[in-house]
Amino acid sequence: MPPLSSLGTIIAFVRSALFAICFYGLTVPFVTAALIVIPFGWRPVSAVAAGWSRTHRWLAHWILGQKVVVIGTIPSEPQFIICKHESMFETLDAVAMFNRPVVAAKRELLDIPVWGRVARAYGLIVVERDGGASALRTIRAGARAAFTAGRPVVFYPEGTRVPHGDSPEIKSGFAGVYAMLDGPVIPVAVDSGRVSPRKSFIKRAGTITYLIGEAIPPKLPRAEAEQRVHAAINALNRTDRGGAPDSP
């Protein structure tokens, strides 16, 4: 009989493989449905996207054994939401988590054939990593359009997925968007990297916690706003909080 650690890895691998087969298999009909409704505008596309995101969360729960816990109040009004980024989980889960959010995403994702067309129709904001001032103008315009349509904007200020426990400085793009806001910023910490590490096929059972932080008011000095956001989105970084992956 293999040791328990090996057995746990085998079980996690089987679960992860089954999850991948089911999720990506079901993504095909969702993308097809979204393509069909594109001529009718972003609202029906967002309805399809919400179904896809909820399916992802349901599969993660029942196949991977990943439970989602939310601490705090999810904003009902269109707000600028700044979220920690540790794995693909929170990007796929954002549409289930928030109300028709517009998510800032790197161009490589929007250049994926077919899926990229759906993403643009949904209203994702294209982020050019090396675009400088022009990239910032694009993000600002996309954010303004989203707020006008009554949709929240979800921004991952670290720019890429980071290992659980790491707390890199946030990218300069946050300050540019924050400067043009008339409303608060809602920081969100998440510890998904503990059970769904970046660049790892194997996902483990456990609890993924979202911590909705205290709203950060607009028009603060840049350094203060960045410091408060940085502290809030890293509030779950401690690894001694009893949040280790569950045993199989």
C-alpha atoms as a PDB file:
ATOM      1  CA  MET A   1       0.000   0.000   0.000  1.00  0.00           C
ATOM      2  CA  PRO A   2       1.460   3.427  -0.950  1.00  0.00           C
ATOM      3  CA  PRO A   3       2.167   5.904   1.875  1.00  0.00           C
ATOM      4  CA  LEU A   4      -0.614   8.334   2.707  1.00  0.00           C
ATOM      5  CA  SER A   5       1.227  11.265   1.109  1.00  0.00           C
ATOM      6  CA  SER A   6       1.531   9.361  -2.182  1.00  0.00           C
ATOM      7  CA  LEU A   7      -2.069   8.180  -1.967  1.00  0.00           C
ATOM      8  CA  GLY A   8      -3.226  11.760  -1.443  1.00  0.00           C
ATOM      9  CA  THR A   9      -1.287  12.888  -4.510  1.00  0.00           C
ATOM     10  CA  ILE A  10      -2.780  10.079  -6.615  1.00  0.00           C
ATOM     11  CA  ILE A  11      -6.296  10.991  -5.518  1.00  0.00           C
ATOM     12  CA  ALA A  12      -5.661  14.680  -6.194  1.00  0.00           C
ATOM     13  CA  PHE A  13      -4.300  13.870  -9.659  1.00  0.00           C
ATOM     14  CA  VAL A  14      -7.350  11.748 -10.543  1.00  0.00           C
ATOM     15  CA  ARG A  15      -9.686  14.463  -9.281  1.00  0.00           C
ATOM     16  CA  SER A  16      -7.786  17.117 -11.241  1.00  0.00           C
ATOM     17  CA  ALA A  17      -7.915  15.071 -14.440  1.00  0.00           C
ATOM     18  CA  LEU A  18     -11.655  14.467 -14.080  1.00  0.00           C
ATOM     19  CA  PHE A  19     -12.198  18.149 -13.345  1.00  0.00           C
ATOM     20  CA  ALA A  20     -10.241  19.189 -16.456  1.00  0.00           C
ATOM     21  CA  ILE A  21     -12.183  16.787 -18.680  1.00  0.00           C
ATOM     22  CA  CYS A  22     -15.544  17.980 -17.366  1.00  0.00           C
ATOM     23  CA  PHE A  23     -14.763  21.696 -17.229  1.00  0.00           C
ATOM     24  CA  TYR A  24     -13.120  22.059 -20.622  1.00  0.00           C
ATOM     25  CA  GLY A  25     -15.633  19.692 -22.175  1.00  0.00           C
ATOM     26  CA  LEU A  26     -18.523  21.803 -20.887  1.00  0.00           C
ATOM     27  CA  THR A  27     -16.768  25.023 -21.897  1.00  0.00           C
ATOM     28  CA  VAL A  28     -17.336  24.154 -25.567  1.00  0.00           C
ATOM     29  CA  PRO A  29     -21.165  24.365 -25.452  1.00  0.00           C
ATOM     30  CA  PHE A  30     -20.993  27.514 -23.321  1.00  0.00           C
ATOM     31  CA  VAL A  31     -18.684  29.234 -25.819  1.00  0.00           C
ATOM     32  CA  THR A  32     -20.940  28.089 -28.667  1.00  0.00           C
ATOM     33  CA  ALA A  33     -23.986  29.520 -26.917  1.00  0.00           C
ATOM     34  CA  ALA A  34     -22.171  32.795 -26.310  1.00  0.00           C
ATOM     35  CA  LEU A  35     -21.226  33.040 -30.003  1.00  0.00           C
ATOM     36  CA  ILE A  36     -24.867  32.589 -30.942  1.00  0.00           C
ATOM     37  CA  VAL A  37     -26.076  35.437 -28.723  1.00  0.00           C
ATOM     38  CA  ILE A  38     -23.289  37.927 -29.523  1.00  0.00           C
ATOM     39  CA  PRO A  39     -25.503  39.833 -32.038  1.00  0.00           C
ATOM     40  CA  PHE A  40     -27.917  40.598 -29.197  1.00  0.00           C
ATOM     41  CA  GLY A  41     -25.367  42.474 -27.095  1.00  0.00           C
ATOM     42  CA  TRP A  42     -23.287  41.958 -23.965  1.00  0.00           C
ATOM     43  CA  ARG A  43     -26.210  41.194 -21.635  1.00  0.00           C
ATOM     44  CA  PRO A  44     -27.062  37.736 -23.045  1.00  0.00           C
ATOM     45  CA  VAL A  45     -23.334  37.024 -23.396  1.00  0.00           C
ATOM     46  CA  SER A  46     -22.909  37.869 -19.713  1.00  0.00           C
ATOM     47  CA  ALA A  47     -25.772  35.506 -18.820  1.00  0.00           C
ATOM     48  CA  VAL A  48     -23.995  32.658 -20.602  1.00  0.00           C
ATOM     49  CA  ALA A  49     -20.701  33.637 -18.936  1.00  0.00           C
ATOM     50  CA  ALA A  50     -22.373  33.579 -15.522  1.00  0.00           C
ATOM     51  CA  GLY A  51     -23.631  30.046 -16.167  1.00  0.00           C
ATOM     52  CA  TRP A  52     -20.140  28.984 -17.235  1.00  0.00           C
ATOM     53  CA  SER A  53     -18.549  30.512 -14.129  1.00  0.00           C
ATOM     54  CA  ARG A  54     -21.093  28.891 -11.792  1.00  0.00           C
ATOM     55  CA  THR A  55     -20.460  25.564 -13.499  1.00  0.00           C
ATOM     56  CA  HIS A  56     -16.734  25.994 -12.836  1.00  0.00           C
ATOM     57  CA  ARG A  57     -17.392  26.624  -9.132  1.00  0.00           C
ATOM     58  CA  TRP A  58     -19.816  23.668  -8.932  1.00  0.00           C
ATOM     59  CA  LEU A  59     -17.281  21.302 -10.519  1.00  0.00           C
ATOM     60  CA  ALA A  60     -14.508  22.604  -8.265  1.00  0.00           C
ATOM     61  CA  HIS A  61     -16.700  21.878  -5.260  1.00  0.00           C
ATOM     62  CA  TRP A  62     -18.007  18.435  -6.178  1.00  0.00           C
ATOM     63  CA  ILE A  63     -15.005  17.017  -8.045  1.00  0.00           C
ATOM     64  CA  LEU A  64     -12.019  18.752  -6.452  1.00  0.00           C
ATOM     65  CA  GLY A  65     -13.536  19.138  -3.007  1.00  0.00           C
ATOM     66  CA  GLN A  66     -12.896  22.893  -2.957  1.00  0.00           C
ATOM     67  CA  LYS A  67     -15.284  24.893  -0.793  1.00  0.00           C
ATOM     68  CA  VAL A  68     -15.651  28.655  -1.237  1.00  0.00           C
ATOM     69  CA  VAL A  69     -16.075  30.853   1.830  1.00  0.00           C
ATOM     70  CA  VAL A  70     -16.716  34.607   1.592  1.00  0.00           C
ATOM     71  CA  ILE A  71     -15.944  36.806   4.594  1.00  0.00           C
ATOM     72  CA  GLY A  72     -17.464  40.267   4.351  1.00  0.00           C
ATOM     73  CA  THR A  73     -20.086  41.801   2.089  1.00  0.00           C
ATOM     74  CA  ILE A  74     -19.884  41.574  -1.685  1.00  0.00           C
ATOM     75  CA  PRO A  75     -20.689  45.036  -3.099  1.00  0.00           C
ATOM     76  CA  SER A  76     -24.003  45.269  -4.936  1.00  0.00           C
ATOM     77  CA  GLU A  77     -23.180  48.602  -6.574  1.00  0.00           C
ATOM     78  CA  PRO A  78     -20.715  48.928  -9.476  1.00  0.00           C
ATOM     79  CA  GLN A  79     -17.376  49.377  -7.760  1.00  0.00           C
ATOM     80  CA  PHE A  80     -13.684  49.184  -8.579  1.00  0.00           C
ATOM     81  CA  ILE A  81     -12.673  45.798  -7.145  1.00  0.00           C
ATOM     82  CA  ILE A  82      -8.999  45.035  -6.585  1.00  0.00           C
ATOM     83  CA  CYS A  83      -8.302  41.324  -6.130  1.00  0.00           C
ATOM     84  CA  LYS A  84      -5.343  39.200  -5.107  1.00  0.00           C
ATOM     85  CA  HIS A  85      -4.236  36.841  -7.905  1.00  0.00           C
ATOM     86  CA  GLU A  86      -2.848  33.430  -6.917  1.00  0.00           C
ATOM     87  CA  SER A  87      -4.400  31.015  -9.410  1.00  0.00           C
ATOM     88  CA  MET A  88      -6.705  30.706 -12.379  1.00  0.00           C
ATOM     89  CA  PHE A  89      -9.547  29.983  -9.943  1.00  0.00           C
ATOM     90  CA  GLU A  90     -10.420  33.586  -9.066  1.00  0.00           C
ATOM     91  CA  THR A  91     -10.339  34.736 -12.687  1.00  0.00           C
ATOM     92  CA  LEU A  92     -12.827  32.036 -13.717  1.00  0.00           C
ATOM     93  CA  ASP A  93     -14.856  32.535 -10.555  1.00  0.00           C
ATOM     94  CA  ALA A  94     -15.143  36.318 -10.825  1.00  0.00           C
ATOM     95  CA  VAL A  95     -18.325  36.217 -12.915  1.00  0.00           C
ATOM     96  CA  ALA A  96     -19.999  33.972 -10.341  1.00  0.00           C
ATOM     97  CA  MET A  97     -18.653  36.048  -7.464  1.00  0.00           C
ATOM     98  CA  PHE A  98     -19.671  39.514  -8.658  1.00  0.00           C
ATOM     99  CA  ASN A  99     -22.562  41.010 -10.649  1.00  0.00           C
ATOM    100  CA  ARG A 100     -21.680  41.003 -14.379  1.00  0.00           C
ATOM    101  CA  PRO A 101     -18.121  42.234 -13.741  1.00  0.00           C
ATOM    102  CA  VAL A 102     -15.839  43.647 -16.384  1.00  0.00           C
ATOM    103  CA  VAL A 103     -12.460  42.014 -15.830  1.00  0.00           C
ATOM    104  CA  ALA A 104      -9.105  43.405 -16.918  1.00  0.00           C
ATOM    105  CA  ALA A 105      -7.242  40.649 -18.799  1.00  0.00           C
ATOM    106  CA  LYS A 106      -3.932  40.417 -20.608  1.00  0.00           C
ATOM    107  CA  ARG A 107      -4.064  40.541 -24.403  1.00  0.00           C
ATOM    108  CA  GLU A 108      -2.774  36.980 -24.814  1.00  0.00           C
ATOM    109  CA  LEU A 109      -6.043  35.656 -23.410  1.00  0.00           C
ATOM    110  CA  LEU A 110      -8.161  37.779 -25.714  1.00  0.00           C
ATOM    111  CA  ASP A 111      -6.150  36.643 -28.727  1.00  0.00           C
ATOM    112  CA  ILE A 112      -7.264  33.020 -28.228  1.00  0.00           C
ATOM    113  CA  PRO A 113      -9.375  32.101 -31.303  1.00  0.00           C
ATOM    114  CA  VAL A 114     -13.154  32.010 -30.726  1.00  0.00           C
ATOM    115  CA  TRP A 115     -12.855  32.416 -26.940  1.00  0.00           C
ATOM    116  CA  GLY A 116     -11.254  35.817 -27.457  1.00  0.00           C
ATOM    117  CA  ARG A 117     -14.182  36.963 -29.588  1.00  0.00           C
ATOM    118  CA  VAL A 118     -16.611  35.984 -26.832  1.00  0.00           C
ATOM    119  CA  ALA A 119     -14.453  37.707 -24.212  1.00  0.00           C
ATOM    120  CA  ARG A 120     -14.473  40.949 -26.179  1.00  0.00           C
ATOM    121  CA  ALA A 121     -18.230  40.738 -26.682  1.00  0.00           C
ATOM    122  CA  TYR A 122     -18.625  40.236 -22.944  1.00  0.00           C
ATOM    123  CA  GLY A 123     -16.629  43.416 -22.378  1.00  0.00           C
ATOM    124  CA  LEU A 124     -13.280  42.367 -20.943  1.00  0.00           C
ATOM    125  CA  ILE A 125     -10.724  45.171 -20.754  1.00  0.00           C
ATOM    126  CA  VAL A 126      -7.535  44.508 -22.686  1.00  0.00           C
ATOM    127  CA  VAL A 127      -4.365  45.079 -20.664  1.00  0.00           C
ATOM    128  CA  GLU A 128      -1.161  45.638 -22.616  1.00  0.00           C
ATOM    129  CA  ARG A 129       1.641  44.743 -20.194  1.00  0.00           C
ATOM    130  CA  ASP A 130       4.160  46.992 -21.938  1.00  0.00           C
ATOM    131  CA  GLY A 131       1.725  49.482 -23.403  1.00  0.00           C
ATOM    132  CA  GLY A 132       2.673  52.439 -21.226  1.00  0.00           C
ATOM    133  CA  ALA A 133       0.392  55.475 -21.361  1.00  0.00           C
ATOM    134  CA  SER A 134      -1.742  54.087 -24.200  1.00  0.00           C
ATOM    135  CA  ALA A 135      -2.483  50.964 -22.152  1.00  0.00           C
ATOM    136  CA  LEU A 136      -3.537  53.112 -19.208  1.00  0.00           C
ATOM    137  CA  ARG A 137      -5.887  55.118 -21.442  1.00  0.00           C
ATOM    138  CA  THR A 138      -7.468  51.875 -22.655  1.00  0.00           C
ATOM    139  CA  ILE A 139      -8.010  50.662 -19.098  1.00  0.00           C
ATOM    140  CA  ARG A 140      -9.490  53.998 -18.052  1.00  0.00           C
ATOM    141  CA  ALA A 141     -11.867  54.057 -21.016  1.00  0.00           C
ATOM    142  CA  GLY A 142     -12.953  50.486 -20.360  1.00  0.00           C
ATOM    143  CA  ALA A 143     -13.535  51.218 -16.680  1.00  0.00           C
ATOM    144  CA  ARG A 144     -15.606  54.318 -17.456  1.00  0.00           C
ATOM    145  CA  ALA A 145     -17.725  52.354 -19.937  1.00  0.00           C
ATOM    146  CA  ALA A 146     -18.276  49.588 -17.390  1.00  0.00           C
ATOM    147  CA  PHE A 147     -19.382  51.984 -14.636  1.00  0.00           C
ATOM    148  CA  THR A 148     -21.703  53.752 -17.083  1.00  0.00           C
ATOM    149  CA  ALA A 149     -23.316  50.372 -17.835  1.00  0.00           C
ATOM    150  CA  GLY A 150     -23.664  49.690 -14.108  1.00  0.00           C
ATOM    151  CA  ARG A 151     -21.006  46.990 -14.028  1.00  0.00           C
ATOM    152  CA  PRO A 152     -18.181  46.560 -11.501  1.00  0.00           C
ATOM    153  CA  VAL A 153     -14.581  46.414 -12.681  1.00  0.00           C
ATOM    154  CA  VAL A 154     -12.283  43.668 -11.378  1.00  0.00           C
ATOM    155  CA  PHE A 155      -8.576  44.408 -11.541  1.00  0.00           C
ATOM    156  CA  TYR A 156      -5.648  42.169 -10.568  1.00  0.00           C
ATOM    157  CA  PRO A 157      -2.988  44.743  -9.639  1.00  0.00           C
ATOM    158  CA  GLU A 158      -0.092  42.289  -9.299  1.00  0.00           C
ATOM    159  CA  GLY A 159      -0.264  41.703 -13.045  1.00  0.00           C
ATOM    160  CA  THR A 160       0.160  37.929 -12.886  1.00  0.00           C
ATOM    161  CA  ARG A 161      -0.447  34.968 -10.590  1.00  0.00           C
ATOM    162  CA  VAL A 162       1.815  34.851  -7.560  1.00  0.00           C
ATOM    163  CA  PRO A 163       2.522  31.949  -5.178  1.00  0.00           C
ATOM    164  CA  HIS A 164       0.506  31.899  -1.980  1.00  0.00           C
ATOM    165  CA  GLY A 165       2.336  33.908   0.657  1.00  0.00           C
ATOM    166  CA  ASP A 166       4.114  36.220  -1.806  1.00  0.00           C
ATOM    167  CA  SER A 167       3.230  39.911  -1.744  1.00  0.00           C
ATOM    168  CA  PRO A 168       4.847  41.726  -4.690  1.00  0.00           C
ATOM    169  CA  GLU A 169       4.329  45.431  -5.201  1.00  0.00           C
ATOM    170  CA  ILE A 170       1.214  46.307  -7.168  1.00  0.00           C
ATOM    171  CA  LYS A 171       1.614  47.549 -10.744  1.00  0.00           C
ATOM    172  CA  SER A 172       1.442  51.230 -11.642  1.00  0.00           C
ATOM    173  CA  GLY A 173      -1.761  50.735 -13.648  1.00  0.00           C
ATOM    174  CA  PHE A 174      -3.783  50.665 -10.444  1.00  0.00           C
ATOM    175  CA  ALA A 175      -2.820  54.228  -9.553  1.00  0.00           C
ATOM    176  CA  GLY A 176      -3.800  55.481 -12.985  1.00  0.00           C
ATOM    177  CA  VAL A 177      -7.304  54.042 -12.775  1.00  0.00           C
ATOM    178  CA  TYR A 178      -7.728  54.966  -9.112  1.00  0.00           C
ATOM    179  CA  ALA A 179      -6.893  58.597  -9.885  1.00  0.00           C
ATOM    180  CA  MET A 180      -9.909  58.973 -12.157  1.00  0.00           C
ATOM    181  CA  LEU A 181     -12.404  57.344  -9.784  1.00  0.00           C
ATOM    182  CA  ASP A 182     -15.124  59.155  -7.880  1.00  0.00           C
ATOM    183  CA  GLY A 183     -15.993  56.093  -5.797  1.00  0.00           C
ATOM    184  CA  PRO A 184     -14.281  53.734  -3.369  1.00  0.00           C
ATOM    185  CA  VAL A 185     -12.008  50.789  -4.079  1.00  0.00           C
ATOM    186  CA  ILE A 186     -13.030  47.401  -2.703  1.00  0.00           C
ATOM    187  CA  PRO A 187      -9.955  45.224  -1.951  1.00  0.00           C
ATOM    188  CA  VAL A 188     -10.382  41.454  -1.999  1.00  0.00           C
ATOM    189  CA  ALA A 189      -7.905  38.944  -0.580  1.00  0.00           C
ATOM    190  CA  VAL A 190      -8.044  35.319  -1.727  1.00  0.00           C
ATOM    191  CA  ASP A 191      -5.934  32.283  -0.821  1.00  0.00           C
ATOM    192  CA  SER A 192      -6.680  30.025  -3.798  1.00  0.00           C
ATOM    193  CA  GLY A 193      -2.982  29.340  -4.351  1.00  0.00           C
ATOM    194  CA  ARG A 194      -2.910  26.998  -1.360  1.00  0.00           C
ATOM    195  CA  VAL A 195      -5.120  24.425  -3.095  1.00  0.00           C
ATOM    196  CA  SER A 196      -4.803  25.425  -6.769  1.00  0.00           C
ATOM    197  CA  PRO A 197      -1.180  26.556  -7.166  1.00  0.00           C
ATOM    198  CA  ARG A 198      -0.194  28.438 -10.287  1.00  0.00           C
ATOM    199  CA  LYS A 199       1.433  26.357 -13.039  1.00  0.00           C
ATOM    200  CA  SER A 200       0.321  23.125 -11.367  1.00  0.00           C
ATOM    201  CA  PHE A 201      -2.068  20.635 -12.928  1.00  0.00           C
ATOM    202  CA  ILE A 202      -2.827  19.065  -9.557  1.00  0.00           C
ATOM    203  CA  LYS A 203      -5.481  20.824  -7.508  1.00  0.00           C
ATOM    204  CA  ARG A 204      -6.252  19.730  -3.960  1.00  0.00           C
ATOM    205  CA  ALA A 205      -9.300  19.688  -1.739  1.00  0.00           C
ATOM    206  CA  GLY A 206      -9.639  22.498   0.768  1.00  0.00           C
ATOM    207  CA  THR A 207     -11.283  25.829   1.476  1.00  0.00           C
ATOM    208  CA  ILE A 208     -10.760  28.881  -0.732  1.00  0.00           C
ATOM    209  CA  THR A 209     -11.443  32.027   1.254  1.00  0.00           C
ATOM    210  CA  TYR A 210     -12.354  35.437  -0.104  1.00  0.00           C
ATOM    211  CA  LEU A 211     -11.921  38.300   2.359  1.00  0.00           C
ATOM    212  CA  ILE A 212     -13.760  41.462   1.300  1.00  0.00           C
ATOM    213  CA  GLY A 213     -11.789  44.312   2.791  1.00  0.00           C
ATOM    214  CA  GLU A 214     -12.852  47.706   4.055  1.00  0.00           C
ATOM    215  CA  ALA A 215     -13.653  50.166   1.267  1.00  0.00           C
ATOM    216  CA  ILE A 216     -10.786  52.521   0.450  1.00  0.00           C
ATOM    217  CA  PRO A 217     -12.068  56.044  -0.258  1.00  0.00           C
ATOM    218  CA  PRO A 218     -11.241  57.886  -3.483  1.00  0.00           C
ATOM    219  CA  LYS A 219      -8.757  60.701  -3.947  1.00  0.00           C
ATOM    220  CA  LEU A 220      -6.209  59.538  -1.393  1.00  0.00           C
ATOM    221  CA  PRO A 221      -2.535  60.270  -2.081  1.00  0.00           C
ATOM    222  CA  ARG A 222      -1.121  57.608  -4.373  1.00  0.00           C
ATOM    223  CA  ALA A 223       1.294  56.154  -1.827  1.00  0.00           C
ATOM    224  CA  GLU A 224      -1.412  55.807   0.825  1.00  0.00           C
ATOM    225  CA  ALA A 225      -3.908  54.225  -1.589  1.00  0.00           C
ATOM    226  CA  GLU A 226      -1.344  51.716  -2.823  1.00  0.00           C
ATOM    227  CA  GLN A 227      -0.240  50.857   0.715  1.00  0.00           C
ATOM    228  CA  ARG A 228      -3.804  50.239   1.868  1.00  0.00           C
ATOM    229  CA  VAL A 229      -4.653  48.135  -1.174  1.00  0.00           C
ATOM    230  CA  HIS A 230      -1.446  46.121  -0.841  1.00  0.00           C
ATOM    231  CA  ALA A 231      -2.094  45.355   2.825  1.00  0.00           C
ATOM    232  CA  ALA A 232      -5.748  44.437   2.227  1.00  0.00           C
ATOM    233  CA  ILE A 233      -5.264  42.036  -0.680  1.00  0.00           C
ATOM    234  CA  ASN A 234      -2.477  40.251   1.201  1.00  0.00           C
ATOM    235  CA  ALA A 235      -4.486  39.840   4.408  1.00  0.00           C
ATOM    236  CA  LEU A 236      -4.773  36.053   3.896  1.00  0.00           C
ATOM    237  CA  ASN A 237      -1.087  35.469   3.244  1.00  0.00           C
ATOM    238  CA  ARG A 238      -0.371  33.892   6.616  1.00  0.00           C
ATOM    239  CA  THR A 239       0.113  30.158   6.264  1.00  0.00           C
ATOM    240  CA  ASP A 240      -0.459  29.459   9.951  1.00  0.00           C
ATOM    241  CA  ARG A 241      -4.170  30.240   9.908  1.00  0.00           C
ATOM    242  CA  GLY A 242      -5.311  26.608   9.842  1.00  0.00           C
ATOM    243  CA  GLY A 243      -6.011  26.689   6.132  1.00  0.00           C
ATOM    244  CA  ALA A 244      -3.915  23.757   4.953  1.00  0.00           C
ATOM    245  CA  PRO A 245      -5.406  21.627   2.187  1.00  0.00           C
ATOM    246  CA  ASP A 246      -7.805  19.022   3.475  1.00  0.00           C
ATOM    247  CA  SER A 247      -6.811  15.367   3.620  1.00  0.00           C
ATOM    248  CA  PRO A 248      -8.350  13.098   0.969  1.00  0.00           C
END
